[in-house]
PDB file of N, CA and C in Angstrom:
ATOM      1  N   MET A   1    -133.912  -4.254  22.041  1.00  0.00           N
ATOM      2  CA  MET A   1    -133.419  -5.284  22.937  1.00  0.00           C
ATOM      3  C   MET A   1    -132.213  -5.964  22.304  1.00  0.00           C
ATOM      4  N   VAL A   2    -131.089  -5.919  22.957  1.00  0.00           N
ATOM      5  CA  VAL A   2    -129.885  -6.576  22.461  1.00  0.00           C
ATOM      6  C   VAL A   2    -130.011  -8.062  22.727  1.00  0.00           C
ATOM      7  N   THR A   3    -129.796  -8.864  21.691  1.00  0.00           N
ATOM      8  CA  THR A   3    -129.903 -10.305  21.855  1.00  0.00           C
ATOM      9  C   THR A   3    -128.553 -10.986  21.891  1.00  0.00           C
ATOM     10  N   ALA A   4    -127.520 -10.403  21.256  1.00  0.00           N
ATOM     11  CA  ALA A   4    -126.199 -11.031  21.280  1.00  0.00           C
ATOM     12  C   ALA A   4    -125.126 -10.046  20.864  1.00  0.00           C
ATOM     13  N   ILE A   5    -123.970 -10.150  21.527  1.00  0.00           N
ATOM     14  CA  ILE A   5    -122.766  -9.443  21.100  1.00  0.00           C
ATOM     15  C   ILE A   5    -121.645 -10.476  21.102  1.00  0.00           C
ATOM     16  N   THR A   6    -120.997 -10.649  19.945  1.00  0.00           N
ATOM     17  CA  THR A   6    -119.930 -11.630  19.815  1.00  0.00           C
ATOM     18  C   THR A   6    -118.687 -10.937  19.278  1.00  0.00           C
ATOM     19  N   THR A   7    -117.532 -11.236  19.883  1.00  0.00           N
ATOM     20  CA  THR A   7    -116.289 -10.601  19.460  1.00  0.00           C
ATOM     21  C   THR A   7    -115.213 -11.658  19.278  1.00  0.00           C
ATOM     22  N   THR A   8    -114.459 -11.556  18.170  1.00  0.00           N
ATOM     23  CA  THR A   8    -113.272 -12.383  17.960  1.00  0.00           C
ATOM     24  C   THR A   8    -112.095 -11.451  17.708  1.00  0.00           C
ATOM     25  N   ASP A   9    -110.954 -12.012  17.306  1.00  0.00           N
ATOM     26  CA  ASP A   9    -109.775 -11.182  17.050  1.00  0.00           C
ATOM     27  C   ASP A   9    -109.991 -10.223  15.894  1.00  0.00           C
ATOM     28  N   THR A  10    -110.807 -10.623  14.911  1.00  0.00           N
ATOM     29  CA  THR A  10    -110.947  -9.794  13.711  1.00  0.00           C
ATOM     30  C   THR A  10    -112.357  -9.298  13.475  1.00  0.00           C
ATOM     31  N   THR A  11    -113.349  -9.812  14.193  1.00  0.00           N
ATOM     32  CA  THR A  11    -114.725  -9.406  13.924  1.00  0.00           C
ATOM     33  C   THR A  11    -115.457  -9.055  15.209  1.00  0.00           C
ATOM     34  N   ASN A  12    -116.479  -8.231  15.051  1.00  0.00           N
ATOM     35  CA  ASN A  12    -117.371  -7.868  16.141  1.00  0.00           C
ATOM     36  C   ASN A  12    -118.793  -7.991  15.601  1.00  0.00           C
ATOM     37  N   THR A  13    -119.626  -8.806  16.232  1.00  0.00           N
ATOM     38  CA  THR A  13    -120.992  -9.027  15.777  1.00  0.00           C
ATOM     39  C   THR A  13    -121.955  -8.539  16.848  1.00  0.00           C
ATOM     40  N   TYR A  14    -122.912  -7.709  16.437  1.00  0.00           N
ATOM     41  CA  TYR A  14    -123.893  -7.114  17.342  1.00  0.00           C
ATOM     42  C   TYR A  14    -125.270  -7.413  16.778  1.00  0.00           C
ATOM     43  N   THR A  15    -126.094  -8.113  17.543  1.00  0.00           N
ATOM     44  CA  THR A  15    -127.433  -8.476  17.096  1.00  0.00           C
ATOM     45  C   THR A  15    -128.455  -7.842  18.025  1.00  0.00           C
ATOM     46  N   THR A  16    -129.466  -7.224  17.445  1.00  0.00           N
ATOM     47  CA  THR A  16    -130.515  -6.595  18.238  1.00  0.00           C
ATOM     48  C   THR A  16    -131.863  -6.854  17.584  1.00  0.00           C
ATOM     49  N   SER A  17    -132.922  -6.724  18.341  1.00  0.00           N
ATOM     50  CA  SER A  17    -134.278  -6.900  17.834  1.00  0.00           C
ATOM     51  C   SER A  17    -135.000  -5.572  17.952  1.00  0.00           C
ATOM     52  N   ILE A  18    -135.474  -5.065  16.814  1.00  0.00           N
ATOM     53  CA  ILE A  18    -136.167  -3.776  16.793  1.00  0.00           C
ATOM     54  C   ILE A  18    -137.532  -3.986  16.157  1.00  0.00           C
ATOM     55  N   GLY A  19    -138.592  -3.857  16.927  1.00  0.00           N
ATOM     56  CA  GLY A  19    -139.945  -3.928  16.388  1.00  0.00           C
ATOM     57  C   GLY A  19    -140.246  -5.179  15.589  1.00  0.00           C
ATOM     58  N   GLY A  20    -139.819  -6.328  16.075  1.00  0.00           N
ATOM     59  CA  GLY A  20    -140.094  -7.572  15.368  1.00  0.00           C
ATOM     60  C   GLY A  20    -139.145  -7.866  14.229  1.00  0.00           C
ATOM     61  N   VAL A  21    -138.034  -7.150  14.160  1.00  0.00           N
ATOM     62  CA  VAL A  21    -137.033  -7.374  13.114  1.00  0.00           C
ATOM     63  C   VAL A  21    -135.687  -7.594  13.786  1.00  0.00           C
ATOM     64  N   ASN A  22    -134.986  -8.654  13.369  1.00  0.00           N
ATOM     65  CA  ASN A  22    -133.628  -8.880  13.850  1.00  0.00           C
ATOM     66  C   ASN A  22    -132.655  -8.096  12.988  1.00  0.00           C
ATOM     67  N   VAL A  23    -131.778  -7.329  13.614  1.00  0.00           N
ATOM     68  CA  VAL A  23    -130.754  -6.574  12.899  1.00  0.00           C
ATOM     69  C   VAL A  23    -129.392  -7.055  13.399  1.00  0.00           C
ATOM     70  N   THR A  24    -128.551  -7.510  12.469  1.00  0.00           N
ATOM     71  CA  THR A  24    -127.211  -7.975  12.808  1.00  0.00           C
ATOM     72  C   THR A  24    -126.192  -7.094  12.104  1.00  0.00           C
ATOM     73  N   VAL A  25    -125.243  -6.572  12.867  1.00  0.00           N
ATOM     74  CA  VAL A  25    -124.163  -5.756  12.311  1.00  0.00           C
ATOM     75  C   VAL A  25    -122.856  -6.491  12.575  1.00  0.00           C
ATOM     76  N   ARG A  26    -122.101  -6.745  11.506  1.00  0.00           N
ATOM     77  CA  ARG A  26    -120.801  -7.398  11.640  1.00  0.00           C
ATOM     78  C   ARG A  26    -119.714  -6.429  11.185  1.00  0.00           C
ATOM     79  N   SER A  27    -118.749  -6.186  12.050  1.00  0.00           N
ATOM     80  CA  SER A  27    -117.598  -5.354  11.703  1.00  0.00           C
ATOM     81  C   SER A  27    -116.381  -6.262  11.572  1.00  0.00           C
ATOM     82  N   ASN A  28    -115.670  -6.126  10.446  1.00  0.00           N
ATOM     83  CA  ASN A  28    -114.458  -6.907  10.222  1.00  0.00           C
ATOM     84  C   ASN A  28    -113.271  -5.961  10.335  1.00  0.00           C
ATOM     85  N   PHE A  29    -112.439  -6.185  11.353  1.00  0.00           N
ATOM     86  CA  PHE A  29    -111.330  -5.274  11.602  1.00  0.00           C
ATOM     87  C   PHE A  29    -110.186  -5.481  10.621  1.00  0.00           C
ATOM     88  N   SER A  30    -110.035  -6.686  10.070  1.00  0.00           N
ATOM     89  CA  SER A  30    -108.889  -6.957   9.204  1.00  0.00           C
ATOM     90  C   SER A  30    -109.015  -6.267   7.853  1.00  0.00           C
ATOM     91  N   ASP A  31    -110.216  -6.255   7.261  1.00  0.00           N
ATOM     92  CA  ASP A  31    -110.373  -5.567   5.972  1.00  0.00           C
ATOM     93  C   ASP A  31    -111.224  -4.302   6.084  1.00  0.00           C
ATOM     94  N   LYS A  32    -111.549  -3.900   7.320  1.00  0.00           N
ATOM     95  CA  LYS A  32    -112.251  -2.633   7.590  1.00  0.00           C
ATOM     96  C   LYS A  32    -113.579  -2.537   6.852  1.00  0.00           C
ATOM     97  N   THR A  33    -114.370  -3.602   6.925  1.00  0.00           N
ATOM     98  CA  THR A  33    -115.698  -3.600   6.324  1.00  0.00           C
ATOM     99  C   THR A  33    -116.740  -3.860   7.399  1.00  0.00           C
ATOM    100  N   ALA A  34    -117.978  -3.540   7.059  1.00  0.00           N
ATOM    101  CA  ALA A  34    -119.100  -3.816   7.949  1.00  0.00           C
ATOM    102  C   ALA A  34    -120.266  -4.295   7.110  1.00  0.00           C
ATOM    103  N   THR A  35    -120.999  -5.273   7.616  1.00  0.00           N
ATOM    104  CA  THR A  35    -122.199  -5.747   6.935  1.00  0.00           C
ATOM    105  C   THR A  35    -123.372  -5.625   7.887  1.00  0.00           C
ATOM    106  N   VAL A  36    -124.528  -5.341   7.325  1.00  0.00           N
ATOM    107  CA  VAL A  36    -125.760  -5.229   8.098  1.00  0.00           C
ATOM    108  C   VAL A  36    -126.769  -6.197   7.510  1.00  0.00           C
ATOM    109  N   GLU A  37    -127.339  -7.060   8.343  1.00  0.00           N
ATOM    110  CA  GLU A  37    -128.362  -8.000   7.912  1.00  0.00           C
ATOM    111  C   GLU A  37    -129.656  -7.686   8.652  1.00  0.00           C
ATOM    112  N   VAL A  38    -130.754  -7.683   7.924  1.00  0.00           N
ATOM    113  CA  VAL A  38    -132.067  -7.429   8.513  1.00  0.00           C
ATOM    114  C   VAL A  38    -132.941  -8.634   8.223  1.00  0.00           C
ATOM    115  N   GLU A  39    -133.530  -9.208   9.264  1.00  0.00           N
ATOM    116  CA  GLU A  39    -134.332 -10.416   9.121  1.00  0.00           C
ATOM    117  C   GLU A  39    -135.655 -10.238   9.856  1.00  0.00           C
ATOM    118  N   PRO A  40    -136.784 -10.314   9.146  1.00  0.00           N
ATOM    119  CA  PRO A  40    -138.084 -10.232   9.824  1.00  0.00           C
ATOM    120  C   PRO A  40    -138.294 -11.422  10.752  1.00  0.00           C
ATOM    121  N   LYS A  41    -138.982 -11.198  11.853  1.00  0.00           N
ATOM    122  CA  LYS A  41    -139.262 -12.265  12.810  1.00  0.00           C
ATOM    123  C   LYS A  41    -140.718 -12.692  12.754  1.00  0.00           C
ATOM    124  N   ILE A  42    -141.352 -12.617  11.613  1.00  0.00           N
ATOM    125  CA  ILE A  42    -142.751 -13.023  11.482  1.00  0.00           C
ATOM    126  C   ILE A  42    -142.806 -14.545  11.490  1.00  0.00           C
ATOM    127  N   THR A  43    -143.605 -15.120  12.394  1.00  0.00           N
ATOM    128  CA  THR A  43    -143.584 -16.561  12.573  1.00  0.00           C
ATOM    129  C   THR A  43    -144.817 -17.256  12.027  1.00  0.00           C
ATOM    130  N   GLY A  44    -145.983 -16.640  12.092  1.00  0.00           N
ATOM    131  CA  GLY A  44    -147.170 -17.361  11.665  1.00  0.00           C
ATOM    132  C   GLY A  44    -148.106 -16.551  10.806  1.00  0.00           C
ATOM    133  N   GLY A  45    -147.864 -15.279  10.679  1.00  0.00           N
ATOM    134  CA  GLY A  45    -148.743 -14.419   9.906  1.00  0.00           C
ATOM    135  C   GLY A  45    -148.452 -12.976  10.229  1.00  0.00           C
ATOM    136  N   ALA A  46    -149.159 -12.090   9.585  1.00  0.00           N
ATOM    137  CA  ALA A  46    -148.872 -10.666   9.724  1.00  0.00           C
ATOM    138  C   ALA A  46    -149.114 -10.160  11.145  1.00  0.00           C
ATOM    139  N   LEU A  47    -150.004 -10.816  11.886  1.00  0.00           N
ATOM    140  CA  LEU A  47    -150.312 -10.339  13.232  1.00  0.00           C
ATOM    141  C   LEU A  47    -149.593 -11.126  14.316  1.00  0.00           C
ATOM    142  N   ASN A  48    -148.846 -12.142  13.921  1.00  0.00           N
ATOM    143  CA  ASN A  48    -148.120 -12.957  14.893  1.00  0.00           C
ATOM    144  C   ASN A  48    -146.642 -12.638  14.766  1.00  0.00           C
ATOM    145  N   VAL A  49    -146.200 -11.590  15.460  1.00  0.00           N
ATOM    146  CA  VAL A  49    -144.828 -11.120  15.347  1.00  0.00           C
ATOM    147  C   VAL A  49    -144.177 -11.220  16.713  1.00  0.00           C
ATOM    148  N   GLN A  50    -143.006 -11.839  16.761  1.00  0.00           N
ATOM    149  CA  GLN A  50    -142.250 -11.889  18.006  1.00  0.00           C
ATOM    150  C   GLN A  50    -141.474 -10.601  18.159  1.00  0.00           C
ATOM    151  N   GLY A  51    -141.355 -10.112  19.390  1.00  0.00           N
ATOM    152  CA  GLY A  51    -140.608  -8.875  19.561  1.00  0.00           C
ATOM    153  C   GLY A  51    -140.083  -8.683  20.933  1.00  0.00           C
TER     154      GLY A  51
END
């Protein structure tokens, strides 16, 4: 499920939720780099996962 896509003059940010994990990919056009961030969405315990 795509949660957000953000674009500026130099960056493109794509955020999605996969199996209770938020994945954010940022592409920087000016220096031609990309970063990937992975963040668990566990809120109250191992069995309480948002997805």
